[in-house]
Amino acid sequence: MEYNLIRSRRRTLAIHITKDGELEVRAPLKLSVKVIEDFILKKQDWIEKQVTRVRNNAVIQKAFTEGEEFLYLGESYILEFSDILKSTVELHGKLYIAPKHSHHVQKVLYSWYKKEALQVITDRVEQYSAATGLQVKAIRLSNAKQRWGSCSPKGYVNFSWRLIMAPLEIIDYVVVHELVHLKHHDHSKAFWHKVESIIPDYKSRRKWLKENSHNLTM
């Protein structure tokens, strides 16, 4: 197993998996290579699992060029330039953008995603508010990459615009999660019981979000 060895005046061995999925071993200055490699061998199963997890979760940076795939409501769409569009961005089979915007695709898509997110999330909030009687004062979008929603005691709720990349049932889970926080401000048993009464399979949706959140970005 390949690894990068970093020696220092430390007293113990330590293993570190970098964000690129590389193995780093941090060792005392005079510790023998045999002891180090025996240690790695002992931890091999754990190391391989962690390396696989990190590499699978690695986010591939977008180039924002024709042919790339972009997520919208859980479905993947190929980006294509078209000069017969009525709007700047259109979605029907593929994700179309007018060629005149080819030099600032990222900016155009960010704007489009945020507009779509506000419309879809607002609609879901209104539907679940009507069904539960839990009312919000205002909906705001954030740029958060991990915190999908938040709620203030005064009734203001925030949602990451990146949620628009997730399937609708995942958006619904986050919406309900924040609406229930209007009544229960912590994650008590009463909170989760209320969430479950609205979304019985919330655990599987929460699990999906945890496992796939790294894909909901650009």
C-alpha atoms as a PDB file:
ATOM      1  CA  MET A   1       0.000   0.000   0.000  1.00  0.00           C
ATOM      2  CA  GLU A   2       1.482   3.342  -1.066  1.00  0.00           C
ATOM      3  CA  TYR A   3       1.744   6.074   1.536  1.00  0.00           C
ATOM      4  CA  ASN A   4       3.423   9.378   2.259  1.00  0.00           C
ATOM      5  CA  LEU A   5       5.605   9.256   5.352  1.00  0.00           C
ATOM      6  CA  ILE A   6       5.881  12.394   7.453  1.00  0.00           C
ATOM      7  CA  ARG A   7       8.324  12.238  10.356  1.00  0.00           C
ATOM      8  CA  SER A   8       8.368  14.707  13.227  1.00  0.00           C
ATOM      9  CA  ARG A   9       9.117  14.934  16.937  1.00  0.00           C
ATOM     10  CA  ARG A  10       5.843  13.249  17.765  1.00  0.00           C
ATOM     11  CA  ARG A  11       5.701  10.179  20.029  1.00  0.00           C
ATOM     12  CA  THR A  12       3.023   8.113  18.326  1.00  0.00           C
ATOM     13  CA  LEU A  13       2.026   6.831  14.913  1.00  0.00           C
ATOM     14  CA  ALA A  14      -0.980   8.362  13.203  1.00  0.00           C
ATOM     15  CA  ILE A  15      -2.838   7.724   9.962  1.00  0.00           C
ATOM     16  CA  HIS A  16      -4.436  10.485   7.913  1.00  0.00           C
ATOM     17  CA  ILE A  17      -6.490  10.226   4.720  1.00  0.00           C
ATOM     18  CA  THR A  18      -6.169  13.423   2.675  1.00  0.00           C
ATOM     19  CA  LYS A  19      -9.071  15.053   0.835  1.00  0.00           C
ATOM     20  CA  ASP A  20      -7.679  13.476  -2.368  1.00  0.00           C
ATOM     21  CA  GLY A  21      -7.881   9.988  -0.856  1.00  0.00           C
ATOM     22  CA  GLU A  22      -4.138   9.640  -0.297  1.00  0.00           C
ATOM     23  CA  LEU A  23      -2.677   7.879   2.734  1.00  0.00           C
ATOM     24  CA  GLU A  24      -0.388   9.854   5.018  1.00  0.00           C
ATOM     25  CA  VAL A  25       1.462   8.226   7.896  1.00  0.00           C
ATOM     26  CA  ARG A  26       2.839  10.512  10.580  1.00  0.00           C
ATOM     27  CA  ALA A  27       5.588   8.912  12.605  1.00  0.00           C
ATOM     28  CA  PRO A  28       8.300   9.672  15.216  1.00  0.00           C
ATOM     29  CA  LEU A  29      11.716  10.578  13.819  1.00  0.00           C
ATOM     30  CA  LYS A  30      13.515   7.309  14.659  1.00  0.00           C
ATOM     31  CA  LEU A  31      10.728   4.767  14.341  1.00  0.00           C
ATOM     32  CA  SER A  32      11.719   1.923  12.005  1.00  0.00           C
ATOM     33  CA  VAL A  33      10.029   1.407   8.640  1.00  0.00           C
ATOM     34  CA  LYS A  34       9.145  -2.164   9.650  1.00  0.00           C
ATOM     35  CA  VAL A  35       7.143  -0.964  12.655  1.00  0.00           C
ATOM     36  CA  ILE A  36       5.425   1.626  10.487  1.00  0.00           C
ATOM     37  CA  GLU A  37       4.473  -0.869   7.786  1.00  0.00           C
ATOM     38  CA  ASP A  38       3.321  -3.449  10.313  1.00  0.00           C
ATOM     39  CA  PHE A  39       1.053  -0.763  11.721  1.00  0.00           C
ATOM     40  CA  ILE A  40      -0.325   0.009   8.238  1.00  0.00           C
ATOM     41  CA  LEU A  41      -0.919  -3.695   7.578  1.00  0.00           C
ATOM     42  CA  LYS A  42      -2.830  -4.019  10.830  1.00  0.00           C
ATOM     43  CA  LYS A  43      -5.045  -1.090   9.862  1.00  0.00           C
ATOM     44  CA  GLN A  44      -5.342  -2.032   6.177  1.00  0.00           C
ATOM     45  CA  ASP A  45      -9.063  -2.868   6.127  1.00  0.00           C
ATOM     46  CA  TRP A  46      -9.953   0.391   7.854  1.00  0.00           C
ATOM     47  CA  ILE A  47      -7.637   2.390   5.585  1.00  0.00           C
ATOM     48  CA  GLU A  48      -9.104   0.904   2.405  1.00  0.00           C
ATOM     49  CA  LYS A  49     -12.648   1.675   3.538  1.00  0.00           C
ATOM     50  CA  GLN A  50     -11.752   5.267   4.366  1.00  0.00           C
ATOM     51  CA  VAL A  51      -9.861   5.819   1.101  1.00  0.00           C
ATOM     52  CA  THR A  52     -12.804   4.435  -0.885  1.00  0.00           C
ATOM     53  CA  ARG A  53     -15.259   6.627   1.004  1.00  0.00           C
ATOM     54  CA  VAL A  54     -13.212   9.791   0.455  1.00  0.00           C
ATOM     55  CA  ARG A  55     -12.588   9.089  -3.229  1.00  0.00           C
ATOM     56  CA  ASN A  56     -16.244   8.280  -3.863  1.00  0.00           C
ATOM     57  CA  ASN A  57     -17.269  11.508  -2.157  1.00  0.00           C
ATOM     58  CA  ALA A  58     -14.759  13.653  -3.999  1.00  0.00           C
ATOM     59  CA  VAL A  59     -16.459  16.510  -5.821  1.00  0.00           C
ATOM     60  CA  ILE A  60     -15.431  16.863  -9.452  1.00  0.00           C
ATOM     61  CA  GLN A  61     -15.141  20.542 -10.269  1.00  0.00           C
ATOM     62  CA  LYS A  62     -17.313  21.659 -13.148  1.00  0.00           C
ATOM     63  CA  ALA A  63     -15.830  23.266 -16.231  1.00  0.00           C
ATOM     64  CA  PHE A  64     -19.279  24.613 -17.246  1.00  0.00           C
ATOM     65  CA  THR A  65     -18.874  23.454 -20.837  1.00  0.00           C
ATOM     66  CA  GLU A  66     -21.205  21.785 -23.299  1.00  0.00           C
ATOM     67  CA  GLY A  67     -21.686  18.083 -22.658  1.00  0.00           C
ATOM     68  CA  GLU A  68     -21.355  18.261 -18.872  1.00  0.00           C
ATOM     69  CA  GLU A  69     -24.145  16.931 -16.685  1.00  0.00           C
ATOM     70  CA  PHE A  70     -26.029  18.992 -14.107  1.00  0.00           C
ATOM     71  CA  LEU A  71     -28.533  17.877 -11.493  1.00  0.00           C
ATOM     72  CA  TYR A  72     -32.034  19.256 -11.166  1.00  0.00           C
ATOM     73  CA  LEU A  73     -34.607  17.678  -8.828  1.00  0.00           C
ATOM     74  CA  GLY A  74     -32.565  14.490  -8.686  1.00  0.00           C
ATOM     75  CA  GLU A  75     -32.261  14.036 -12.448  1.00  0.00           C
ATOM     76  CA  SER A  76     -29.124  14.586 -14.515  1.00  0.00           C
ATOM     77  CA  TYR A  77     -29.270  16.822 -17.598  1.00  0.00           C
ATOM     78  CA  ILE A  78     -26.636  17.373 -20.263  1.00  0.00           C
ATOM     79  CA  LEU A  79     -25.701  20.991 -20.911  1.00  0.00           C
ATOM     80  CA  GLU A  80     -26.132  22.117 -24.501  1.00  0.00           C
ATOM     81  CA  PHE A  81     -26.033  25.515 -26.203  1.00  0.00           C
ATOM     82  CA  SER A  82     -28.984  26.478 -28.383  1.00  0.00           C
ATOM     83  CA  ASP A  83     -29.774  29.684 -30.242  1.00  0.00           C
ATOM     84  CA  ILE A  84     -33.524  29.033 -30.509  1.00  0.00           C
ATOM     85  CA  LEU A  85     -34.431  29.574 -26.889  1.00  0.00           C
ATOM     86  CA  LYS A  86     -37.154  31.858 -25.579  1.00  0.00           C
ATOM     87  CA  SER A  87     -35.416  32.151 -22.185  1.00  0.00           C
ATOM     88  CA  THR A  88     -31.798  32.312 -21.040  1.00  0.00           C
ATOM     89  CA  VAL A  89     -32.049  28.776 -19.646  1.00  0.00           C
ATOM     90  CA  GLU A  90     -34.528  26.084 -20.631  1.00  0.00           C
ATOM     91  CA  LEU A  91     -34.972  22.539 -19.417  1.00  0.00           C
ATOM     92  CA  HIS A  92     -36.607  19.974 -21.665  1.00  0.00           C
ATOM     93  CA  GLY A  93     -34.696  16.743 -22.101  1.00  0.00           C
ATOM     94  CA  LYS A  94     -31.449  18.672 -21.797  1.00  0.00           C
ATOM     95  CA  LEU A  95     -30.291  21.808 -20.021  1.00  0.00           C
ATOM     96  CA  TYR A  96     -30.156  24.464 -22.728  1.00  0.00           C
ATOM     97  CA  ILE A  97     -28.375  27.816 -22.581  1.00  0.00           C
ATOM     98  CA  ALA A  98     -28.135  30.442 -25.290  1.00  0.00           C
ATOM     99  CA  PRO A  99     -24.670  30.499 -26.956  1.00  0.00           C
ATOM    100  CA  LYS A 100     -24.239  34.195 -26.154  1.00  0.00           C
ATOM    101  CA  HIS A 101     -23.887  33.163 -22.497  1.00  0.00           C
ATOM    102  CA  SER A 102     -21.230  30.519 -23.184  1.00  0.00           C
ATOM    103  CA  HIS A 103     -18.507  32.612 -21.541  1.00  0.00           C
ATOM    104  CA  HIS A 104     -20.333  32.982 -18.231  1.00  0.00           C
ATOM    105  CA  VAL A 105     -22.280  29.736 -17.912  1.00  0.00           C
ATOM    106  CA  GLN A 106     -21.539  29.439 -14.200  1.00  0.00           C
ATOM    107  CA  LYS A 107     -23.066  32.814 -13.400  1.00  0.00           C
ATOM    108  CA  VAL A 108     -26.133  32.097 -15.540  1.00  0.00           C
ATOM    109  CA  LEU A 109     -26.697  28.683 -13.972  1.00  0.00           C
ATOM    110  CA  TYR A 110     -26.270  29.977 -10.433  1.00  0.00           C
ATOM    111  CA  SER A 111     -28.939  32.590 -11.095  1.00  0.00           C
ATOM    112  CA  TRP A 112     -31.263  30.041 -12.698  1.00  0.00           C
ATOM    113  CA  TYR A 113     -30.820  27.478  -9.918  1.00  0.00           C
ATOM    114  CA  LYS A 114     -31.566  30.058  -7.223  1.00  0.00           C
ATOM    115  CA  LYS A 115     -34.695  31.242  -9.016  1.00  0.00           C
ATOM    116  CA  GLU A 116     -35.905  27.653  -9.401  1.00  0.00           C
ATOM    117  CA  ALA A 117     -35.028  26.835  -5.796  1.00  0.00           C
ATOM    118  CA  LEU A 118     -37.033  29.744  -4.413  1.00  0.00           C
ATOM    119  CA  GLN A 119     -40.060  28.818  -6.499  1.00  0.00           C
ATOM    120  CA  VAL A 120     -40.002  25.079  -5.720  1.00  0.00           C
ATOM    121  CA  ILE A 121     -39.150  25.417  -2.017  1.00  0.00           C
ATOM    122  CA  THR A 122     -41.759  28.133  -1.486  1.00  0.00           C
ATOM    123  CA  ASP A 123     -44.379  25.888  -3.074  1.00  0.00           C
ATOM    124  CA  ARG A 124     -43.406  22.954  -0.825  1.00  0.00           C
ATOM    125  CA  VAL A 125     -43.390  25.131   2.294  1.00  0.00           C
ATOM    126  CA  GLU A 126     -46.864  26.446   1.463  1.00  0.00           C
ATOM    127  CA  GLN A 127     -48.209  22.932   0.933  1.00  0.00           C
ATOM    128  CA  TYR A 128     -46.805  21.538   4.176  1.00  0.00           C
ATOM    129  CA  SER A 129     -47.733  24.668   6.110  1.00  0.00           C
ATOM    130  CA  ALA A 130     -51.327  24.265   5.009  1.00  0.00           C
ATOM    131  CA  ALA A 131     -51.282  20.590   5.973  1.00  0.00           C
ATOM    132  CA  THR A 132     -49.670  21.051   9.401  1.00  0.00           C
ATOM    133  CA  GLY A 133     -50.710  24.543  10.459  1.00  0.00           C
ATOM    134  CA  LEU A 134     -47.036  25.449  10.961  1.00  0.00           C
ATOM    135  CA  GLN A 135     -46.620  28.889   9.421  1.00  0.00           C
ATOM    136  CA  VAL A 136     -43.427  30.731   8.472  1.00  0.00           C
ATOM    137  CA  LYS A 137     -42.913  34.482   8.289  1.00  0.00           C
ATOM    138  CA  ALA A 138     -40.411  34.476   5.454  1.00  0.00           C
ATOM    139  CA  ILE A 139     -38.339  32.121   3.315  1.00  0.00           C
ATOM    140  CA  ARG A 140     -34.755  32.944   2.470  1.00  0.00           C
ATOM    141  CA  LEU A 141     -32.104  31.190   0.396  1.00  0.00           C
ATOM    142  CA  SER A 142     -28.555  30.595   1.596  1.00  0.00           C
ATOM    143  CA  ASN A 143     -25.362  29.521  -0.154  1.00  0.00           C
ATOM    144  CA  ALA A 144     -24.649  26.787   2.399  1.00  0.00           C
ATOM    145  CA  LYS A 145     -23.069  23.565   1.150  1.00  0.00           C
ATOM    146  CA  GLN A 146     -23.860  21.377   4.160  1.00  0.00           C
ATOM    147  CA  ARG A 147     -26.482  23.102   6.280  1.00  0.00           C
ATOM    148  CA  TRP A 148     -29.567  22.515   4.170  1.00  0.00           C
ATOM    149  CA  GLY A 149     -31.965  24.452   6.332  1.00  0.00           C
ATOM    150  CA  SER A 150     -32.250  26.533   9.463  1.00  0.00           C
ATOM    151  CA  CYS A 151     -35.054  28.148  11.418  1.00  0.00           C
ATOM    152  CA  SER A 152     -35.256  31.134  13.743  1.00  0.00           C
ATOM    153  CA  PRO A 153     -37.596  31.308  16.759  1.00  0.00           C
ATOM    154  CA  LYS A 154     -39.379  34.210  15.057  1.00  0.00           C
ATOM    155  CA  GLY A 155     -40.473  32.074  12.128  1.00  0.00           C
ATOM    156  CA  TYR A 156     -37.856  32.866   9.490  1.00  0.00           C
ATOM    157  CA  VAL A 157     -36.574  29.812   7.613  1.00  0.00           C
ATOM    158  CA  ASN A 158     -33.477  29.503   5.446  1.00  0.00           C
ATOM    159  CA  PHE A 159     -32.808  26.866   2.812  1.00  0.00           C
ATOM    160  CA  SER A 160     -29.712  26.220   0.743  1.00  0.00           C
ATOM    161  CA  TRP A 161     -30.485  26.866  -2.918  1.00  0.00           C
ATOM    162  CA  ARG A 162     -28.451  23.721  -3.696  1.00  0.00           C
ATOM    163  CA  LEU A 163     -31.412  21.643  -2.532  1.00  0.00           C
ATOM    164  CA  ILE A 164     -32.925  22.171  -5.975  1.00  0.00           C
ATOM    165  CA  MET A 165     -30.469  19.530  -7.215  1.00  0.00           C
ATOM    166  CA  ALA A 166     -31.963  16.909  -4.888  1.00  0.00           C
ATOM    167  CA  PRO A 167     -35.079  14.802  -5.559  1.00  0.00           C
ATOM    168  CA  LEU A 168     -38.348  16.423  -4.510  1.00  0.00           C
ATOM    169  CA  GLU A 169     -38.867  13.955  -1.655  1.00  0.00           C
ATOM    170  CA  ILE A 170     -35.553  15.077  -0.155  1.00  0.00           C
ATOM    171  CA  ILE A 171     -36.565  18.729  -0.427  1.00  0.00           C
ATOM    172  CA  ASP A 172     -39.814  17.803   1.309  1.00  0.00           C
ATOM    173  CA  TYR A 173     -37.893  16.197   4.178  1.00  0.00           C
ATOM    174  CA  VAL A 174     -35.785  19.332   4.721  1.00  0.00           C
ATOM    175  CA  VAL A 175     -38.864  21.555   4.494  1.00  0.00           C
ATOM    176  CA  VAL A 176     -40.758  19.490   7.069  1.00  0.00           C
ATOM    177  CA  HIS A 177     -37.669  19.323   9.288  1.00  0.00           C
ATOM    178  CA  GLU A 178     -37.520  23.124   9.455  1.00  0.00           C
ATOM    179  CA  LEU A 179     -41.273  23.588   9.815  1.00  0.00           C
ATOM    180  CA  VAL A 180     -41.347  21.265  12.815  1.00  0.00           C
ATOM    181  CA  HIS A 181     -38.543  23.318  14.353  1.00  0.00           C
ATOM    182  CA  LEU A 182     -41.065  26.149  14.580  1.00  0.00           C
ATOM    183  CA  LYS A 183     -42.753  24.096  17.288  1.00  0.00           C
ATOM    184  CA  HIS A 184     -39.868  22.045  18.669  1.00  0.00           C
ATOM    185  CA  HIS A 185     -36.605  24.007  18.739  1.00  0.00           C
ATOM    186  CA  ASP A 186     -34.388  21.011  19.473  1.00  0.00           C
ATOM    187  CA  HIS A 187     -34.021  17.444  18.183  1.00  0.00           C
ATOM    188  CA  SER A 188     -35.980  15.884  21.024  1.00  0.00           C
ATOM    189  CA  LYS A 189     -38.102  12.740  20.774  1.00  0.00           C
ATOM    190  CA  ALA A 190     -41.128  14.981  20.363  1.00  0.00           C
ATOM    191  CA  PHE A 191     -39.465  16.680  17.394  1.00  0.00           C
ATOM    192  CA  TRP A 192     -38.700  13.437  15.561  1.00  0.00           C
ATOM    193  CA  HIS A 193     -42.110  12.003  16.417  1.00  0.00           C
ATOM    194  CA  LYS A 194     -43.740  15.007  14.745  1.00  0.00           C
ATOM    195  CA  VAL A 195     -41.472  14.709  11.682  1.00  0.00           C
ATOM    196  CA  GLU A 196     -42.331  11.010  11.417  1.00  0.00           C
ATOM    197  CA  SER A 197     -46.058  11.731  11.649  1.00  0.00           C
ATOM    198  CA  ILE A 198     -45.712  13.868   8.511  1.00  0.00           C
ATOM    199  CA  ILE A 199     -43.033  11.873   6.666  1.00  0.00           C
ATOM    200  CA  PRO A 200     -43.062   8.252   7.911  1.00  0.00           C
ATOM    201  CA  ASP A 201     -39.915   7.328   5.919  1.00  0.00           C
ATOM    202  CA  TYR A 202     -37.929  10.400   7.010  1.00  0.00           C
ATOM    203  CA  LYS A 203     -35.013   8.209   8.169  1.00  0.00           C
ATOM    204  CA  SER A 204     -34.329   6.904   4.657  1.00  0.00           C
ATOM    205  CA  ARG A 205     -34.573  10.415   3.236  1.00  0.00           C
ATOM    206  CA  ARG A 206     -32.195  11.755   5.883  1.00  0.00           C
ATOM    207  CA  LYS A 207     -29.805   8.881   5.089  1.00  0.00           C
ATOM    208  CA  TRP A 208     -29.949   9.702   1.360  1.00  0.00           C
ATOM    209  CA  LEU A 209     -29.098  13.342   2.040  1.00  0.00           C
ATOM    210  CA  LYS A 210     -26.167  12.395   4.248  1.00  0.00           C
ATOM    211  CA  GLU A 211     -24.769   9.986   1.666  1.00  0.00           C
ATOM    212  CA  ASN A 212     -25.341  12.157  -1.409  1.00  0.00           C
ATOM    213  CA  SER A 213     -24.861  15.715  -0.182  1.00  0.00           C
ATOM    214  CA  HIS A 214     -21.430  15.902  -1.811  1.00  0.00           C
ATOM    215  CA  ASN A 215     -23.127  15.704  -5.233  1.00  0.00           C
ATOM    216  CA  LEU A 216     -25.370  18.702  -4.608  1.00  0.00           C
ATOM    217  CA  THR A 217     -22.862  21.333  -5.612  1.00  0.00           C
ATOM    218  CA  MET A 218     -21.248  22.940  -8.636  1.00  0.00           C
END
